[in-house]
């Protein structure tokens, strides 16, 4: 299939998926009592408000061109942990809202693909399979317990103080730290992402009884 069509579908799926991911962060934060994201215009489905040039565009499209597992992120939604209910656990819920949204999208997309009589063919198959793999990639990548990824906020709720201190230091570097991980440990990260995506695909196949 034409590479331009594939990249167009990947890009469209990324914008859709990451917009919902970030909007859900903002919604959960607002639901838990913090209006920071709302005040800064991030409680929105406008993708322009959420795009990070590296994490949302360059990284996933570059991986798509290389044929690797597609993963990435977006501009972090601001929130104040001291404003949300339930303290660190509330902050962890805000963090989980995004990647769990991606997991839900992947699960529903797989269900549609299965119910339509897998294997679906043509552009419809491309869109559905891209929705599945991209959203699983975003879910797994963002759940890594590395600042500033969402999984680090879950770890923060569980970790002792000395680990929290180290995480706060790393978090100051933001996307630069993620970029360094991708560059320095790209092959290891890619192998992990491929294995994790395959694991969840096997779970989906079992749930929907697709052979």
Protein backbone atom coordinates (compact mmCIF):
# COMPACT_ATOMS: atom_id res chain seq x y z
CA UNK A 1 0.00 0.00 0.00
CA UNK A 2 1.24 3.51 -0.81
CA UNK A 3 3.62 4.81 1.86
CA UNK A 4 2.01 8.27 1.73
CA UNK A 5 -1.40 6.78 2.53
CA UNK A 6 0.10 4.78 5.39
CA UNK A 7 1.79 7.85 6.86
CA UNK A 8 -1.40 9.90 6.44
CA UNK A 9 -3.38 7.27 8.36
CA UNK A 10 -0.70 7.03 11.06
CA UNK A 11 -0.64 10.81 11.44
CA UNK A 12 -4.44 11.02 11.64
CA UNK A 13 -4.58 8.24 14.23
CA UNK A 14 -1.83 9.92 16.26
CA UNK A 15 -3.66 13.26 16.34
CA UNK A 16 -6.96 11.61 17.29
CA UNK A 17 -5.45 9.33 19.92
CA UNK A 18 -3.15 11.81 21.60
CA UNK A 19 -5.83 14.51 21.65
CA UNK A 20 -8.10 12.17 23.60
CA UNK A 21 -5.15 11.10 25.76
CA UNK A 22 -4.30 14.65 26.83
CA UNK A 23 -7.93 15.80 27.09
CA UNK A 24 -8.58 12.90 29.48
CA UNK A 25 -5.64 14.00 31.65
CA UNK A 26 -7.22 17.45 31.81
CA UNK A 27 -10.70 16.08 32.47
CA UNK A 28 -9.60 13.79 35.31
CA UNK A 29 -7.60 16.63 36.88
CA UNK A 30 -10.62 18.93 36.66
CA UNK A 31 -12.89 16.21 38.08
CA UNK A 32 -10.49 15.83 41.01
CA UNK A 33 -10.59 19.55 41.79
CA UNK A 34 -7.71 21.10 39.84
CA UNK A 35 -8.68 23.68 37.19
CA UNK A 36 -5.10 24.40 36.02
CA UNK A 37 -5.52 22.62 32.68
CA UNK A 38 -8.89 24.27 32.08
CA UNK A 39 -7.48 27.73 32.80
CA UNK A 40 -4.58 27.11 30.38
CA UNK A 41 -6.85 25.96 27.57
CA UNK A 42 -5.95 22.27 27.72
CA UNK A 43 -9.41 20.94 28.60
CA UNK A 44 -10.13 20.74 24.89
CA UNK A 45 -10.29 18.37 21.92
CA UNK A 46 -8.30 20.81 19.77
CA UNK A 47 -5.17 18.80 18.80
CA UNK A 48 -3.10 21.94 18.25
CA UNK A 49 -3.20 22.61 21.98
CA UNK A 50 -1.62 19.22 22.74
CA UNK A 51 1.00 18.63 20.03
CA UNK A 52 4.66 18.25 20.96
CA UNK A 53 6.78 18.47 17.76
CA UNK A 54 9.10 15.63 18.78
CA UNK A 55 6.87 13.25 20.75
CA UNK A 56 3.69 13.66 18.68
CA UNK A 57 5.07 14.04 15.15
CA UNK A 58 8.77 13.32 14.58
CA UNK A 59 9.17 10.27 16.84
CA UNK A 60 6.08 8.24 15.83
CA UNK A 61 6.27 9.11 12.13
CA UNK A 62 9.99 8.32 12.11
CA UNK A 63 9.27 4.95 13.71
CA UNK A 64 6.54 4.32 11.13
CA UNK A 65 9.00 5.01 8.31
CA UNK A 66 11.52 2.62 9.88
CA UNK A 67 8.89 -0.07 10.31
CA UNK A 68 9.29 -0.25 14.07
CA UNK A 69 6.69 -0.21 16.84
CA UNK A 70 5.02 3.21 16.92
CA UNK A 71 4.98 5.11 20.19
CA UNK A 72 5.15 8.69 21.37
CA UNK A 73 3.46 11.28 23.50
CA UNK A 74 2.29 14.88 23.59
CA UNK A 75 2.81 18.13 25.46
CA UNK A 76 2.19 17.33 29.13
CA UNK A 77 -1.07 18.67 30.54
CA UNK A 78 -0.31 21.00 33.48
CA UNK A 79 -1.82 20.20 36.83
CA UNK A 80 -1.07 20.92 40.48
CA UNK A 81 -0.73 17.76 42.58
CA UNK A 82 -1.50 19.80 45.70
CA UNK A 83 -4.89 20.79 44.25
CA UNK A 84 -6.28 17.34 43.38
CA UNK A 85 -8.20 15.22 45.83
CA UNK A 86 -6.49 12.21 47.42
CA UNK A 87 -2.96 13.63 47.18
CA UNK A 88 -0.41 11.47 45.36
CA UNK A 89 -3.06 8.90 44.48
CA UNK A 90 -5.19 11.59 42.88
CA UNK A 91 -2.15 12.69 40.87
CA UNK A 92 -1.64 9.06 39.83
CA UNK A 93 -5.26 8.92 38.61
CA UNK A 94 -4.67 12.05 36.52
CA UNK A 95 -1.63 10.36 34.98
CA UNK A 96 -3.48 7.09 34.33
CA UNK A 97 -6.35 8.84 32.53
CA UNK A 98 -4.30 9.32 29.35
CA UNK A 99 -2.73 5.91 28.75
CA UNK A 100 -5.86 4.05 29.85
CA UNK A 101 -7.73 6.03 27.19
CA UNK A 102 -5.27 4.73 24.60
CA UNK A 103 -5.73 1.18 25.87
CA UNK A 104 -9.51 1.57 25.62
CA UNK A 105 -9.24 2.86 22.03
CA UNK A 106 -7.02 -0.10 21.10
CA UNK A 107 -9.41 -2.58 22.73
CA UNK A 108 -12.51 -1.14 21.04
CA UNK A 109 -10.73 -0.94 17.67
CA UNK A 110 -9.71 -4.58 17.94
CA UNK A 111 -13.29 -5.48 18.84
CA UNK A 112 -14.60 -3.67 15.75
CA UNK A 113 -11.97 -5.37 13.61
CA UNK A 114 -12.96 -8.77 15.00
CA UNK A 115 -16.71 -8.19 14.74
CA UNK A 116 -16.42 -7.07 11.10
CA UNK A 117 -15.00 -10.49 10.34
CA UNK A 118 -11.25 -10.32 10.59
CA UNK A 119 -9.29 -10.04 8.48
CA UNK A 120 -10.76 -6.77 7.19
CA UNK A 121 -9.07 -5.56 3.99
CA UNK A 122 -8.21 -2.28 2.30
CA UNK A 123 -8.16 1.17 3.87
CA UNK A 124 -10.57 0.09 6.60
CA UNK A 125 -8.13 -2.58 7.73
CA UNK A 126 -5.27 -0.08 7.67
CA UNK A 127 -7.16 2.38 9.84
CA UNK A 128 -8.29 -0.22 12.38
CA UNK A 129 -4.93 -1.98 12.67
CA UNK A 130 -3.18 1.37 12.99
CA UNK A 131 -5.63 2.39 15.71
CA UNK A 132 -4.82 -0.83 17.55
CA UNK A 133 -1.03 -0.80 17.31
CA UNK A 134 -0.51 2.96 17.72
CA UNK A 135 -2.71 3.13 20.81
CA UNK A 136 -1.10 0.07 22.36
CA UNK A 137 2.27 1.67 21.68
CA UNK A 138 1.21 4.93 23.32
CA UNK A 139 -0.29 3.06 26.28
CA UNK A 140 2.84 0.98 26.93
CA UNK A 141 5.33 3.80 26.31
CA UNK A 142 3.53 6.29 28.52
CA UNK A 143 3.20 3.74 31.32
CA UNK A 144 6.98 3.41 31.59
CA UNK A 145 7.96 4.66 35.07
CA UNK A 146 10.32 7.30 33.69
CA UNK A 147 9.82 11.04 34.29
CA UNK A 148 8.04 12.84 32.73
CA UNK A 149 6.01 9.91 31.34
CA UNK A 150 2.69 9.06 32.98
CA UNK A 151 3.94 5.87 34.61
CA UNK A 152 6.37 7.90 36.71
CA UNK A 153 3.45 9.56 38.47
CA UNK A 154 2.10 6.15 39.47
CA UNK A 155 5.55 5.14 40.72
CA UNK A 156 5.77 8.45 42.58
CA UNK A 157 2.69 7.53 44.63
CA UNK A 158 4.38 4.29 45.70
CA UNK A 159 8.05 5.23 45.94
CA UNK A 160 10.05 6.19 49.05
CA UNK A 161 11.27 9.78 49.43
CA UNK A 162 14.79 9.26 48.06
CA UNK A 163 13.40 7.88 44.77
CA UNK A 164 10.90 10.75 44.57
CA UNK A 165 13.77 13.21 44.93
CA UNK A 166 15.63 11.62 42.03
CA UNK A 167 12.50 11.60 39.91
CA UNK A 168 11.94 15.32 40.53
CA UNK A 169 15.49 16.03 39.34
CA UNK A 170 15.02 13.98 36.17
CA UNK A 171 11.62 15.55 35.49
CA UNK A 172 13.23 18.97 35.15
CA UNK A 173 14.79 17.81 31.88
CA UNK A 174 11.38 16.80 30.50
CA UNK A 175 11.37 15.67 26.89
CA UNK A 176 15.19 15.84 26.69
CA UNK A 177 15.41 12.87 29.05
CA UNK A 178 12.94 10.89 26.91
CA UNK A 179 14.90 11.82 23.78
CA UNK A 180 18.11 10.58 25.41
CA UNK A 181 16.48 7.26 26.32
CA UNK A 182 15.20 6.80 22.76
CA UNK A 183 18.64 7.58 21.28
CA UNK A 184 20.81 5.67 23.76
CA UNK A 185 18.58 2.66 24.33
CA UNK A 186 16.58 2.63 21.11
CA UNK A 187 17.15 -1.04 20.25
CA UNK A 188 16.32 -2.24 23.77
CA UNK A 189 13.28 0.01 23.96
CA UNK A 190 12.11 -1.12 20.52
CA UNK A 191 12.43 -4.80 21.45
CA UNK A 192 10.53 -4.20 24.69
CA UNK A 193 7.77 -2.28 22.91
CA UNK A 194 7.40 -5.00 20.25
CA UNK A 195 7.16 -7.74 22.88
CA UNK A 196 4.67 -5.80 25.00
CA UNK A 197 2.46 -4.95 22.01
CA UNK A 198 2.49 -8.61 20.94
CA UNK A 199 1.51 -9.64 24.47
CA UNK A 200 -1.57 -7.41 24.50
CA UNK A 201 -2.49 -8.46 20.97
CA UNK A 202 -2.44 -12.08 22.13
CA UNK A 203 -4.74 -11.11 25.02
CA UNK A 204 -7.12 -9.39 22.59
CA UNK A 205 -7.09 -12.38 20.26
CA UNK A 206 -8.00 -14.60 23.21
CA UNK A 207 -10.78 -12.31 24.46
CA UNK A 208 -12.40 -11.93 21.05
CA UNK A 209 -11.62 -15.53 20.03
CA UNK A 210 -9.99 -14.54 16.79
CA UNK A 211 -7.66 -17.17 15.35
